[in-house]
C-alpha cells in the first residue's frame, strides 16, 4: 500500500513538472526579465537592446561627478536612444530649471569622444567628423541619429572637449543655431555656472536596466 501511494505521488509531481518545466532556458530567461521593474520614480522605455529606465536628477556637477552619482543609484549616466527619451529628459530637466528660476540650461548625457579622435588634428579627419567622432557609453544606447548637435558643433575647441551635454529648452527652437535636443561638446571636468545660460550645467540623466 505504501509503495502504491509513493508511486502515485511521484507520478503527480512528474505531471506538474511536465507542465511547468516545459520551458526552454531562453523562455525562462525572458519570463524573469519581464518580471523586473524600474525603480520608483524612474521612467521605463523600450529599446532595441531591451527595456531601459531613466531618471533625471538636479546637480551642479562635472561629468565624472554625475557618473558617480548615477552609480550610487545603481545605474550609469544615460545616453539617448530615441525621440521619446529625448523629450522626457528635456521635460524633466526643464522642470529642474524652473524650480531654480532659470529659463535655460544643460544636462549631462553619456556621450564621449572616441579615443582615436581626441587629438586636435585627428578630430579634423573625416573618420572623426561630427557624430563619427563620438560614441554612446552606457552599453545600451546605439542610435547615432540621436546625436543632434547645435550649429558649429562638435568643434573640440581647445582640443579637450571629450564629453557632451544636451541643452534644455522650453521651446522647440530658441534660435542661434540651437534646436530642440541640441548637444554641445565640452571638457568633462566642466560644470559651467557663468556665461551663456544655455551652458549652465544643472542636471544629469541616469539610466539602468529594470531590476
N, C-alpha and C. Protein backbone atom coordinates (compact mmCIF):
# COMPACT_ATOMS: atom_id res chain seq x y z
N UNK A 1 0.84 -1.21 0.00
CA UNK A 1 0.00 0.00 0.00
C UNK A 1 0.87 1.25 0.00
N UNK A 2 1.88 1.23 0.90
CA UNK A 2 2.76 2.40 0.97
C UNK A 2 3.47 2.62 -0.36
N UNK A 3 3.90 1.55 -0.98
CA UNK A 3 4.59 1.66 -2.27
C UNK A 3 3.67 2.23 -3.33
N UNK A 4 2.39 1.86 -3.30
CA UNK A 4 1.42 2.36 -4.28
C UNK A 4 1.22 3.86 -4.13
N UNK A 5 1.12 4.32 -2.87
CA UNK A 5 0.96 5.76 -2.60
C UNK A 5 2.18 6.52 -3.06
N UNK A 6 3.36 5.99 -2.81
CA UNK A 6 4.60 6.65 -3.22
C UNK A 6 4.68 6.79 -4.73
N UNK A 7 4.28 5.73 -5.43
CA UNK A 7 4.30 5.77 -6.91
C UNK A 7 3.35 6.84 -7.42
N UNK A 8 2.17 6.93 -6.82
CA UNK A 8 1.17 7.93 -7.24
C UNK A 8 1.70 9.34 -7.04
N UNK A 9 2.35 9.58 -5.89
CA UNK A 9 2.90 10.92 -5.60
C UNK A 9 3.99 11.28 -6.59
N UNK A 10 4.82 10.32 -6.93
CA UNK A 10 5.89 10.56 -7.90
C UNK A 10 5.31 10.93 -9.25
N UNK A 11 4.28 10.21 -9.66
CA UNK A 11 3.65 10.48 -10.96
C UNK A 11 3.00 11.85 -10.98
N UNK A 12 2.36 12.23 -9.85
CA UNK A 12 1.74 13.55 -9.78
C UNK A 12 2.78 14.66 -9.88
N UNK A 13 3.87 14.52 -9.18
CA UNK A 13 4.94 15.52 -9.24
C UNK A 13 5.54 15.61 -10.63
N UNK A 14 5.65 14.45 -11.27
CA UNK A 14 6.19 14.44 -12.63
C UNK A 14 5.27 15.18 -13.58
N UNK A 15 3.94 14.99 -13.37
CA UNK A 15 2.98 15.67 -14.23
C UNK A 15 3.02 17.17 -14.07
N UNK A 16 3.20 17.63 -12.81
CA UNK A 16 3.31 19.07 -12.56
C UNK A 16 4.55 19.64 -13.22
N UNK A 17 5.64 18.91 -13.11
CA UNK A 17 6.88 19.41 -13.71
C UNK A 17 6.78 19.41 -15.22
N UNK A 18 6.04 18.43 -15.78
CA UNK A 18 5.90 18.37 -17.24
C UNK A 18 5.24 19.64 -17.76
N UNK A 19 4.27 20.18 -16.97
CA UNK A 19 3.59 21.39 -17.40
C UNK A 19 4.44 22.63 -17.14
N UNK A 20 5.05 22.69 -15.94
CA UNK A 20 5.77 23.90 -15.55
C UNK A 20 7.21 23.93 -16.03
N UNK A 21 7.78 22.75 -16.32
CA UNK A 21 9.20 22.71 -16.69
C UNK A 21 9.39 22.57 -18.18
N UNK A 22 8.27 22.64 -18.93
CA UNK A 22 8.37 22.51 -20.39
C UNK A 22 8.71 23.84 -21.03
N UNK A 23 9.58 24.63 -20.38
CA UNK A 23 10.05 25.90 -20.90
C UNK A 23 11.53 25.78 -21.19
N UNK A 24 11.92 26.29 -22.32
CA UNK A 24 13.35 26.30 -22.61
C UNK A 24 14.02 27.31 -21.70
N UNK A 25 15.33 27.21 -21.57
CA UNK A 25 16.06 28.16 -20.73
C UNK A 25 15.87 29.57 -21.26
N UNK A 26 15.72 29.72 -22.58
CA UNK A 26 15.51 31.04 -23.17
C UNK A 26 14.17 31.61 -22.75
N UNK A 27 13.13 30.75 -22.73
CA UNK A 27 11.81 31.21 -22.29
C UNK A 27 11.84 31.62 -20.82
N UNK A 28 12.53 30.84 -20.01
CA UNK A 28 12.62 31.15 -18.58
C UNK A 28 13.32 32.48 -18.36
N UNK A 29 14.38 32.72 -19.15
CA UNK A 29 15.12 33.98 -19.04
C UNK A 29 14.21 35.15 -19.39
N UNK A 30 13.40 35.00 -20.45
CA UNK A 30 12.51 36.08 -20.88
C UNK A 30 11.46 36.37 -19.82
N UNK A 31 10.93 35.31 -19.19
CA UNK A 31 9.93 35.49 -18.14
C UNK A 31 10.54 36.25 -16.97
N UNK A 32 11.76 35.86 -16.57
CA UNK A 32 12.42 36.54 -15.45
C UNK A 32 12.68 38.01 -15.78
N UNK A 33 13.09 38.28 -17.02
CA UNK A 33 13.37 39.66 -17.42
C UNK A 33 12.10 40.50 -17.40
N UNK A 34 10.99 39.93 -17.85
CA UNK A 34 9.73 40.68 -17.91
C UNK A 34 9.19 40.99 -16.52
N UNK A 35 9.61 40.22 -15.53
CA UNK A 35 9.15 40.47 -14.17
C UNK A 35 9.91 41.63 -13.52
N UNK A 36 11.04 41.98 -14.07
CA UNK A 36 11.84 43.06 -13.50
C UNK A 36 11.17 44.41 -13.77
N UNK A 37 11.36 45.34 -12.86
CA UNK A 37 10.71 46.65 -12.98
C UNK A 37 11.73 47.77 -12.75
N UNK A 38 11.39 48.95 -13.25
CA UNK A 38 12.19 50.13 -12.98
C UNK A 38 11.93 50.57 -11.54
N UNK A 39 12.92 51.15 -10.87
CA UNK A 39 12.72 51.65 -9.51
C UNK A 39 11.65 52.76 -9.50
N UNK A 40 11.14 53.03 -8.34
CA UNK A 40 10.13 54.08 -8.18
C UNK A 40 10.68 55.42 -8.68
N UNK A 41 9.85 56.15 -9.40
CA UNK A 41 10.17 57.48 -9.94
C UNK A 41 11.11 57.44 -11.15
N UNK A 42 11.39 56.25 -11.67
CA UNK A 42 12.15 56.11 -12.91
C UNK A 42 11.17 55.77 -14.02
N UNK A 43 11.43 56.29 -15.24
CA UNK A 43 10.54 56.04 -16.38
C UNK A 43 11.12 54.93 -17.25
N UNK A 44 10.25 54.01 -17.64
CA UNK A 44 10.68 52.88 -18.47
C UNK A 44 10.49 53.18 -19.95
N UNK A 45 11.47 52.77 -20.76
CA UNK A 45 11.43 52.94 -22.21
C UNK A 45 11.80 51.63 -22.89
N UNK A 46 11.27 51.46 -24.10
CA UNK A 46 11.60 50.27 -24.90
C UNK A 46 12.71 50.62 -25.89
N UNK A 47 13.77 49.82 -25.87
CA UNK A 47 14.88 49.99 -26.79
C UNK A 47 15.08 48.70 -27.58
N UNK A 48 15.82 48.80 -28.67
CA UNK A 48 16.16 47.60 -29.41
C UNK A 48 16.99 46.65 -28.58
N UNK A 49 17.74 47.21 -27.63
CA UNK A 49 18.59 46.40 -26.76
C UNK A 49 17.85 45.91 -25.52
N UNK A 50 16.56 46.24 -25.41
CA UNK A 50 15.77 45.82 -24.25
C UNK A 50 15.19 47.02 -23.51
N UNK A 51 14.53 46.76 -22.40
CA UNK A 51 13.91 47.84 -21.62
C UNK A 51 14.98 48.64 -20.89
N UNK A 52 14.70 49.94 -20.69
CA UNK A 52 15.67 50.85 -20.10
C UNK A 52 14.94 51.84 -19.20
N UNK A 53 15.50 52.09 -18.04
CA UNK A 53 14.91 53.02 -17.07
C UNK A 53 15.72 54.31 -17.03
N UNK A 54 15.05 55.45 -16.98
CA UNK A 54 15.73 56.75 -16.95
C UNK A 54 15.12 57.62 -15.85
N UNK A 55 16.00 58.35 -15.18
CA UNK A 55 15.56 59.37 -14.24
C UNK A 55 16.52 60.55 -14.32
N UNK A 56 15.98 61.76 -14.26
CA UNK A 56 16.78 62.98 -14.34
C UNK A 56 16.91 63.57 -12.94
N UNK A 57 18.12 63.92 -12.58
CA UNK A 57 18.40 64.49 -11.25
C UNK A 57 19.00 65.88 -11.38
N UNK A 58 18.74 66.70 -10.38
CA UNK A 58 19.35 68.03 -10.33
C UNK A 58 20.76 67.91 -9.76
N UNK A 59 21.65 68.79 -10.22
CA UNK A 59 23.00 68.80 -9.68
C UNK A 59 23.95 69.66 -10.49
N UNK A 60 24.75 70.48 -9.81
CA UNK A 60 25.79 71.26 -10.47
C UNK A 60 27.08 70.45 -10.34
N UNK A 61 27.34 69.61 -11.33
CA UNK A 61 28.42 68.64 -11.28
C UNK A 61 29.20 68.63 -12.58
N UNK A 62 30.45 68.14 -12.53
CA UNK A 62 31.13 67.85 -13.78
C UNK A 62 30.71 66.44 -14.22
N UNK A 63 31.19 66.00 -15.35
CA UNK A 63 30.72 64.75 -15.91
C UNK A 63 31.10 63.55 -15.03
N UNK A 64 32.28 63.56 -14.47
CA UNK A 64 32.73 62.44 -13.65
C UNK A 64 31.91 62.36 -12.36
N UNK A 65 31.57 63.51 -11.80
CA UNK A 65 30.75 63.53 -10.59
C UNK A 65 29.34 63.03 -10.88
N UNK A 66 28.81 63.40 -12.06
CA UNK A 66 27.48 62.93 -12.46
C UNK A 66 27.49 61.41 -12.64
N UNK A 67 28.55 60.88 -13.24
CA UNK A 67 28.67 59.42 -13.40
C UNK A 67 28.66 58.73 -12.04
N UNK A 68 29.42 59.29 -11.10
CA UNK A 68 29.50 58.69 -9.77
C UNK A 68 28.14 58.70 -9.08
N UNK A 69 27.37 59.78 -9.24
CA UNK A 69 26.04 59.86 -8.64
C UNK A 69 25.14 58.76 -9.22
N UNK A 70 25.19 58.59 -10.54
CA UNK A 70 24.37 57.55 -11.18
C UNK A 70 24.75 56.17 -10.68
N UNK A 71 26.04 55.93 -10.49
CA UNK A 71 26.50 54.64 -9.97
C UNK A 71 25.98 54.41 -8.55
N UNK A 72 25.89 55.47 -7.78
CA UNK A 72 25.35 55.35 -6.42
C UNK A 72 23.89 54.91 -6.44
N UNK A 73 23.17 55.26 -7.50
CA UNK A 73 21.77 54.85 -7.65
C UNK A 73 21.66 53.46 -8.28
N UNK A 74 22.79 52.85 -8.61
CA UNK A 74 22.78 51.53 -9.23
C UNK A 74 22.72 51.57 -10.74
N UNK A 75 22.98 52.74 -11.33
CA UNK A 75 22.90 52.86 -12.78
C UNK A 75 24.15 53.48 -13.38
N UNK A 76 23.97 54.08 -14.54
CA UNK A 76 25.05 54.76 -15.25
C UNK A 76 24.50 56.07 -15.81
N UNK A 77 25.39 56.95 -16.19
CA UNK A 77 24.95 58.13 -16.93
C UNK A 77 24.37 57.64 -18.24
N UNK A 78 23.19 58.12 -18.61
CA UNK A 78 22.45 57.54 -19.73
C UNK A 78 22.69 58.25 -21.05
N UNK A 79 22.62 57.46 -22.11
CA UNK A 79 22.56 58.01 -23.45
C UNK A 79 21.11 58.23 -23.86
N UNK A 80 20.88 58.61 -25.11
CA UNK A 80 19.53 58.88 -25.61
C UNK A 80 19.31 58.05 -26.87
N UNK A 81 18.38 57.09 -26.79
CA UNK A 81 18.18 56.14 -27.88
C UNK A 81 17.12 56.58 -28.89
N UNK A 82 16.13 57.38 -28.46
CA UNK A 82 15.03 57.73 -29.36
C UNK A 82 14.41 59.07 -28.95
N UNK A 83 13.47 59.53 -29.77
CA UNK A 83 12.84 60.83 -29.54
C UNK A 83 12.02 60.85 -28.25
N UNK A 84 11.43 59.72 -27.90
CA UNK A 84 10.64 59.65 -26.67
C UNK A 84 11.53 59.91 -25.45
N UNK A 85 12.69 59.30 -25.44
CA UNK A 85 13.63 59.52 -24.33
C UNK A 85 14.12 60.96 -24.32
N UNK A 86 14.42 61.47 -25.50
CA UNK A 86 14.90 62.85 -25.61
C UNK A 86 13.88 63.83 -25.05
N UNK A 87 12.61 63.64 -25.42
CA UNK A 87 11.54 64.52 -24.96
C UNK A 87 11.37 64.42 -23.44
N UNK A 88 11.42 63.20 -22.91
CA UNK A 88 11.27 63.01 -21.47
C UNK A 88 12.41 63.67 -20.71
N UNK A 89 13.65 63.44 -21.15
CA UNK A 89 14.81 64.02 -20.46
C UNK A 89 14.75 65.53 -20.49
N UNK A 90 14.39 66.10 -21.64
CA UNK A 90 14.28 67.56 -21.73
C UNK A 90 13.19 68.09 -20.79
N UNK A 91 12.04 67.42 -20.79
CA UNK A 91 10.91 67.86 -19.96
C UNK A 91 11.27 67.83 -18.48
N UNK A 92 11.92 66.74 -18.04
CA UNK A 92 12.31 66.63 -16.64
C UNK A 92 13.39 67.64 -16.29
N UNK A 93 14.31 67.87 -17.23
CA UNK A 93 15.36 68.85 -17.00
C UNK A 93 14.83 70.27 -16.90
N UNK A 94 13.85 70.59 -17.74
CA UNK A 94 13.24 71.93 -17.71
C UNK A 94 12.54 72.17 -16.37
N UNK A 95 11.91 71.14 -15.82
CA UNK A 95 11.28 71.28 -14.50
C UNK A 95 12.30 71.68 -13.44
N UNK A 96 13.49 71.08 -13.53
CA UNK A 96 14.56 71.41 -12.59
C UNK A 96 14.98 72.86 -12.76
N UNK A 97 15.11 73.31 -14.01
CA UNK A 97 15.48 74.70 -14.27
C UNK A 97 14.43 75.66 -13.72
N UNK A 98 13.16 75.33 -13.93
CA UNK A 98 12.08 76.19 -13.46
C UNK A 98 12.09 76.29 -11.94
N UNK A 99 12.39 75.19 -11.26
CA UNK A 99 12.48 75.22 -9.80
C UNK A 99 13.60 76.15 -9.33
N UNK A 100 14.62 76.32 -10.18
CA UNK A 100 15.76 77.16 -9.84
C UNK A 100 15.63 78.57 -10.43
N UNK A 101 14.51 78.84 -11.09
CA UNK A 101 14.28 80.16 -11.67
C UNK A 101 15.13 80.46 -12.89
N UNK A 102 15.55 79.41 -13.60
CA UNK A 102 16.39 79.59 -14.80
C UNK A 102 15.57 79.32 -16.06
N UNK A 103 15.73 80.14 -17.11
CA UNK A 103 14.99 79.94 -18.35
C UNK A 103 15.58 78.84 -19.23
N UNK A 104 16.86 78.53 -19.05
CA UNK A 104 17.51 77.52 -19.89
C UNK A 104 18.74 77.00 -19.17
N UNK A 105 19.31 75.93 -19.69
CA UNK A 105 20.50 75.33 -19.10
C UNK A 105 20.89 74.09 -19.87
N UNK A 106 21.63 73.20 -19.23
CA UNK A 106 22.07 71.99 -19.91
C UNK A 106 22.15 70.82 -18.95
N UNK A 107 22.35 69.62 -19.51
CA UNK A 107 22.26 68.39 -18.74
C UNK A 107 23.29 67.39 -19.27
N UNK A 108 23.96 66.67 -18.36
CA UNK A 108 24.96 65.69 -18.77
C UNK A 108 24.30 64.43 -19.32
N UNK A 109 24.86 63.94 -20.44
CA UNK A 109 24.48 62.65 -21.01
C UNK A 109 25.76 61.86 -21.23
N UNK A 110 25.62 60.56 -21.47
CA UNK A 110 26.79 59.69 -21.57
C UNK A 110 27.28 59.57 -23.02
N UNK A 111 27.75 60.69 -23.54
CA UNK A 111 28.27 60.75 -24.91
C UNK A 111 29.74 61.16 -24.83
N UNK A 112 30.63 60.32 -25.40
CA UNK A 112 32.06 60.50 -25.24
C UNK A 112 32.76 60.54 -26.60
N UNK A 113 33.74 61.43 -26.71
CA UNK A 113 34.55 61.46 -27.93
C UNK A 113 35.42 60.20 -27.97
N UNK A 114 35.48 59.54 -29.11
CA UNK A 114 36.27 58.33 -29.24
C UNK A 114 37.75 58.63 -28.98
N UNK A 115 38.46 57.70 -28.33
CA UNK A 115 39.88 57.93 -28.02
C UNK A 115 40.72 58.30 -29.24
N UNK A 116 40.41 57.67 -30.39
CA UNK A 116 41.19 57.93 -31.60
C UNK A 116 40.85 59.26 -32.26
N UNK A 117 39.91 60.00 -31.67
CA UNK A 117 39.51 61.29 -32.23
C UNK A 117 39.75 62.44 -31.26
N UNK A 118 40.54 62.22 -30.25
CA UNK A 118 40.74 63.24 -29.21
C UNK A 118 41.88 64.20 -29.52
N UNK A 119 42.81 63.77 -30.33
CA UNK A 119 43.86 64.68 -30.74
C UNK A 119 43.27 65.77 -31.62
N UNK A 120 43.69 67.01 -31.42
CA UNK A 120 43.09 68.13 -32.15
C UNK A 120 43.19 67.95 -33.65
N UNK A 121 44.29 67.39 -34.13
CA UNK A 121 44.46 67.16 -35.57
C UNK A 121 43.59 66.00 -36.05
N UNK A 122 43.51 64.92 -35.24
CA UNK A 122 42.69 63.77 -35.60
C UNK A 122 41.21 64.15 -35.68
N UNK A 123 40.79 65.07 -34.82
CA UNK A 123 39.39 65.48 -34.79
C UNK A 123 38.94 66.12 -36.10
N UNK A 124 39.90 66.55 -36.91
CA UNK A 124 39.58 67.19 -38.18
C UNK A 124 39.49 66.18 -39.33
N UNK A 125 39.87 64.92 -39.07
CA UNK A 125 39.82 63.89 -40.10
C UNK A 125 38.38 63.45 -40.37
N UNK A 126 38.16 62.92 -41.58
CA UNK A 126 36.81 62.51 -41.98
C UNK A 126 36.23 61.46 -41.03
N UNK A 127 37.05 60.52 -40.57
CA UNK A 127 36.56 59.45 -39.70
C UNK A 127 36.14 59.97 -38.32
N UNK A 128 36.52 61.20 -38.00
CA UNK A 128 36.17 61.79 -36.71
C UNK A 128 35.23 62.98 -36.87
N UNK A 129 34.72 63.17 -38.07
CA UNK A 129 33.88 64.34 -38.33
C UNK A 129 32.51 64.20 -37.67
N UNK A 130 32.09 65.25 -36.97
CA UNK A 130 30.76 65.26 -36.37
C UNK A 130 30.52 64.10 -35.43
N UNK A 131 29.37 63.43 -35.61
CA UNK A 131 28.99 62.32 -34.73
C UNK A 131 29.90 61.11 -34.90
N UNK A 132 30.61 61.02 -36.01
CA UNK A 132 31.51 59.88 -36.21
C UNK A 132 32.61 59.85 -35.16
N UNK A 133 32.91 60.99 -34.58
CA UNK A 133 33.96 61.06 -33.58
C UNK A 133 33.49 60.75 -32.17
N UNK A 134 32.18 60.43 -32.01
CA UNK A 134 31.62 60.19 -30.68
C UNK A 134 30.97 58.81 -30.59
N UNK A 135 30.78 58.35 -29.35
CA UNK A 135 30.06 57.10 -29.12
C UNK A 135 29.29 57.18 -27.81
N UNK A 136 28.12 56.52 -27.81
CA UNK A 136 27.36 56.39 -26.57
C UNK A 136 28.11 55.42 -25.67
N UNK A 137 28.08 55.68 -24.36
CA UNK A 137 28.96 54.93 -23.47
C UNK A 137 28.24 54.25 -22.32
N UNK A 138 26.94 53.98 -22.48
CA UNK A 138 26.21 53.31 -21.39
C UNK A 138 25.95 51.84 -21.67
N UNK A 139 26.48 51.33 -22.81
CA UNK A 139 26.37 49.93 -23.22
C UNK A 139 24.94 49.50 -23.53
N UNK A 140 24.06 50.48 -23.73
CA UNK A 140 22.68 50.17 -24.08
C UNK A 140 22.17 51.06 -25.21
N UNK A 141 22.81 52.22 -25.41
CA UNK A 141 22.40 53.17 -26.44
C UNK A 141 23.26 52.97 -27.69
N UNK A 142 22.60 52.88 -28.87
CA UNK A 142 23.33 52.62 -30.11
C UNK A 142 22.90 53.52 -31.27
N UNK A 143 21.86 54.31 -31.08
CA UNK A 143 21.31 55.11 -32.17
C UNK A 143 22.11 56.41 -32.34
N UNK A 144 22.99 56.43 -33.32
CA UNK A 144 23.82 57.62 -33.55
C UNK A 144 23.01 58.77 -34.14
N UNK A 145 21.81 58.49 -34.64
CA UNK A 145 20.97 59.57 -35.18
C UNK A 145 20.48 60.51 -34.08
N UNK A 146 20.57 60.05 -32.83
CA UNK A 146 20.14 60.90 -31.72
C UNK A 146 21.26 61.83 -31.24
N UNK A 147 22.41 61.79 -31.90
CA UNK A 147 23.46 62.77 -31.62
C UNK A 147 23.16 64.01 -32.46
N UNK A 148 22.36 64.89 -31.90
CA UNK A 148 21.90 66.08 -32.63
C UNK A 148 22.64 67.30 -32.09
N UNK A 149 23.51 67.86 -32.90
CA UNK A 149 24.41 68.92 -32.44
C UNK A 149 23.88 70.31 -32.77
N UNK A 150 24.22 71.26 -31.92
CA UNK A 150 23.94 72.67 -32.23
C UNK A 150 24.89 73.12 -33.34
N UNK A 151 24.60 74.24 -33.95
CA UNK A 151 25.42 74.74 -35.06
C UNK A 151 26.88 74.89 -34.63
N UNK A 152 27.77 74.56 -35.54
CA UNK A 152 29.22 74.66 -35.38
C UNK A 152 29.77 73.62 -34.40
N UNK A 153 28.95 72.72 -33.95
CA UNK A 153 29.43 71.69 -33.01
C UNK A 153 29.21 70.29 -33.59
N UNK A 154 30.02 69.32 -33.14
CA UNK A 154 31.09 69.45 -32.14
C UNK A 154 32.35 70.08 -32.77
N UNK A 155 33.02 70.93 -32.02
CA UNK A 155 34.17 71.64 -32.59
C UNK A 155 35.48 71.35 -31.87
N UNK A 156 35.40 70.63 -30.72
CA UNK A 156 36.60 70.29 -29.95
C UNK A 156 37.47 71.52 -29.69
N UNK A 157 36.81 72.62 -29.33
CA UNK A 157 37.54 73.85 -29.07
C UNK A 157 38.53 73.64 -27.92
N UNK A 158 39.76 74.04 -28.14
CA UNK A 158 40.80 73.85 -27.13
C UNK A 158 41.42 72.47 -27.15
N UNK A 159 40.86 71.58 -27.98
CA UNK A 159 41.41 70.23 -28.10
C UNK A 159 41.17 69.33 -26.91
N UNK A 160 40.22 69.69 -26.04
CA UNK A 160 39.98 68.86 -24.85
C UNK A 160 38.48 68.67 -24.55
N UNK A 161 37.64 68.82 -25.57
CA UNK A 161 36.20 68.66 -25.37
C UNK A 161 35.81 67.22 -25.70
N UNK A 162 35.99 66.35 -24.70
CA UNK A 162 35.79 64.92 -24.90
C UNK A 162 34.39 64.45 -24.49
N UNK A 163 33.64 65.30 -23.80
CA UNK A 163 32.31 64.93 -23.34
C UNK A 163 31.26 65.81 -24.01
N UNK A 164 29.99 65.57 -23.67
CA UNK A 164 28.92 66.36 -24.29
C UNK A 164 27.74 66.50 -23.33
N UNK A 165 27.04 67.63 -23.45
CA UNK A 165 25.80 67.78 -22.72
C UNK A 165 24.69 68.17 -23.69
N UNK A 166 23.45 68.05 -23.22
CA UNK A 166 22.29 68.40 -24.03
C UNK A 166 21.68 69.68 -23.48
N UNK A 167 21.36 70.61 -24.36
CA UNK A 167 20.69 71.83 -23.94
C UNK A 167 19.25 71.52 -23.54
N UNK A 168 18.80 72.18 -22.49
CA UNK A 168 17.42 72.04 -22.03
C UNK A 168 16.64 73.27 -22.46
N UNK A 169 15.56 73.03 -23.21
CA UNK A 169 14.84 74.14 -23.82
C UNK A 169 13.36 74.10 -23.49
N UNK A 170 12.80 75.28 -23.24
CA UNK A 170 11.36 75.41 -23.04
C UNK A 170 10.60 75.48 -24.36
N UNK A 171 11.30 75.86 -25.41
CA UNK A 171 10.68 75.99 -26.73
C UNK A 171 11.39 75.06 -27.70
N UNK A 172 10.75 74.81 -28.83
CA UNK A 172 11.32 73.90 -29.82
C UNK A 172 12.60 74.45 -30.44
N UNK A 173 12.69 75.75 -30.61
CA UNK A 173 13.87 76.34 -31.22
C UNK A 173 14.05 77.78 -30.79
N UNK A 174 15.03 78.05 -29.92
CA UNK A 174 15.24 79.42 -29.47
C UNK A 174 16.10 80.24 -30.43
N UNK A 175 16.56 79.61 -31.50
CA UNK A 175 17.41 80.31 -32.45
C UNK A 175 18.88 80.18 -32.12
N UNK A 176 19.71 80.98 -32.79
CA UNK A 176 21.15 80.95 -32.59
C UNK A 176 21.75 79.57 -32.82
N UNK A 177 21.18 78.83 -33.77
CA UNK A 177 21.73 77.52 -34.11
C UNK A 177 21.43 76.42 -33.11
N UNK A 178 20.54 76.68 -32.16
CA UNK A 178 20.20 75.70 -31.14
C UNK A 178 18.78 75.20 -31.37
N UNK A 179 18.64 73.91 -31.64
CA UNK A 179 17.34 73.30 -31.85
C UNK A 179 16.99 72.43 -30.65
N UNK A 180 15.75 71.94 -30.63
CA UNK A 180 15.30 71.06 -29.56
C UNK A 180 16.20 69.81 -29.52
N UNK A 181 16.76 69.50 -28.35
CA UNK A 181 17.62 68.33 -28.21
C UNK A 181 19.05 68.56 -28.64
N UNK A 182 19.42 69.80 -28.94
CA UNK A 182 20.78 70.08 -29.39
C UNK A 182 21.82 69.73 -28.34
N UNK A 183 22.98 69.29 -28.82
CA UNK A 183 24.09 68.92 -27.95
C UNK A 183 25.32 69.75 -28.27
N UNK A 184 26.23 69.80 -27.32
CA UNK A 184 27.47 70.55 -27.49
C UNK A 184 28.59 69.76 -26.82
N UNK A 185 29.76 69.73 -27.45
CA UNK A 185 30.90 69.07 -26.81
C UNK A 185 31.56 70.04 -25.84
N UNK A 186 32.11 69.48 -24.76
CA UNK A 186 32.62 70.30 -23.65
C UNK A 186 33.64 69.48 -22.87
N UNK A 187 34.59 70.12 -22.21
CA UNK A 187 35.51 69.37 -21.35
C UNK A 187 34.75 68.62 -20.24
N UNK A 188 35.16 67.39 -19.98
CA UNK A 188 34.46 66.57 -19.00
C UNK A 188 34.52 67.14 -17.59
N UNK A 189 35.56 67.92 -17.31
CA UNK A 189 35.75 68.46 -15.96
C UNK A 189 34.92 69.71 -15.70
N UNK A 190 34.21 70.18 -16.71
CA UNK A 190 33.50 71.45 -16.60
C UNK A 190 32.11 71.31 -15.98
N UNK A 191 31.76 72.25 -15.13
CA UNK A 191 30.39 72.40 -14.65
C UNK A 191 30.10 73.89 -14.71
N UNK A 192 29.86 74.41 -15.89
CA UNK A 192 29.76 75.85 -16.08
C UNK A 192 28.60 76.47 -15.31
N UNK A 193 28.90 77.55 -14.67
CA UNK A 193 27.88 78.28 -13.92
C UNK A 193 27.90 79.77 -14.25
N UNK A 194 28.61 80.11 -15.34
CA UNK A 194 28.65 81.51 -15.74
C UNK A 194 28.57 81.59 -17.26
N UNK A 195 28.46 82.81 -17.76
CA UNK A 195 28.37 82.98 -19.20
C UNK A 195 26.98 82.70 -19.73
N UNK A 196 26.90 82.07 -20.90
CA UNK A 196 25.64 81.76 -21.56
C UNK A 196 24.78 80.84 -20.68
N UNK A 197 23.54 81.25 -20.42
CA UNK A 197 22.66 80.44 -19.58
C UNK A 197 22.46 79.03 -20.13
N UNK A 198 22.47 78.88 -21.47
CA UNK A 198 22.30 77.57 -22.05
C UNK A 198 23.37 76.60 -21.58
N UNK A 199 24.54 77.13 -21.23
CA UNK A 199 25.66 76.29 -20.86
C UNK A 199 25.76 76.06 -19.34
N UNK A 200 24.77 76.52 -18.59
CA UNK A 200 24.73 76.22 -17.17
C UNK A 200 24.39 74.73 -16.99
N UNK A 201 25.30 73.95 -16.45
CA UNK A 201 25.02 72.53 -16.24
C UNK A 201 24.26 72.38 -14.92
N UNK A 202 23.00 71.97 -15.01
CA UNK A 202 22.16 71.93 -13.83
C UNK A 202 21.55 70.56 -13.54
N UNK A 203 21.82 69.57 -14.39
CA UNK A 203 21.18 68.27 -14.20
C UNK A 203 21.96 67.18 -14.92
N UNK A 204 21.54 65.94 -14.69
CA UNK A 204 22.15 64.79 -15.35
C UNK A 204 21.12 63.67 -15.45
N UNK A 205 21.24 62.86 -16.48
CA UNK A 205 20.28 61.78 -16.72
C UNK A 205 20.93 60.43 -16.43
N UNK A 206 20.34 59.68 -15.51
CA UNK A 206 20.85 58.35 -15.17
C UNK A 206 19.98 57.29 -15.85
N UNK A 207 20.59 56.15 -16.12
CA UNK A 207 19.85 55.04 -16.75
C UNK A 207 20.26 53.70 -16.16
N UNK A 208 19.38 52.74 -16.27
CA UNK A 208 19.67 51.37 -15.83
C UNK A 208 18.67 50.42 -16.45
N UNK A 209 18.99 49.14 -16.45
CA UNK A 209 18.03 48.12 -16.86
C UNK A 209 17.10 47.83 -15.68
N UNK A 210 15.85 47.41 -15.97
CA UNK A 210 14.93 47.07 -14.88
C UNK A 210 15.55 46.00 -13.97
N UNK A 211 15.19 46.05 -12.67
CA UNK A 211 15.77 45.12 -11.71
C UNK A 211 14.68 44.32 -10.97
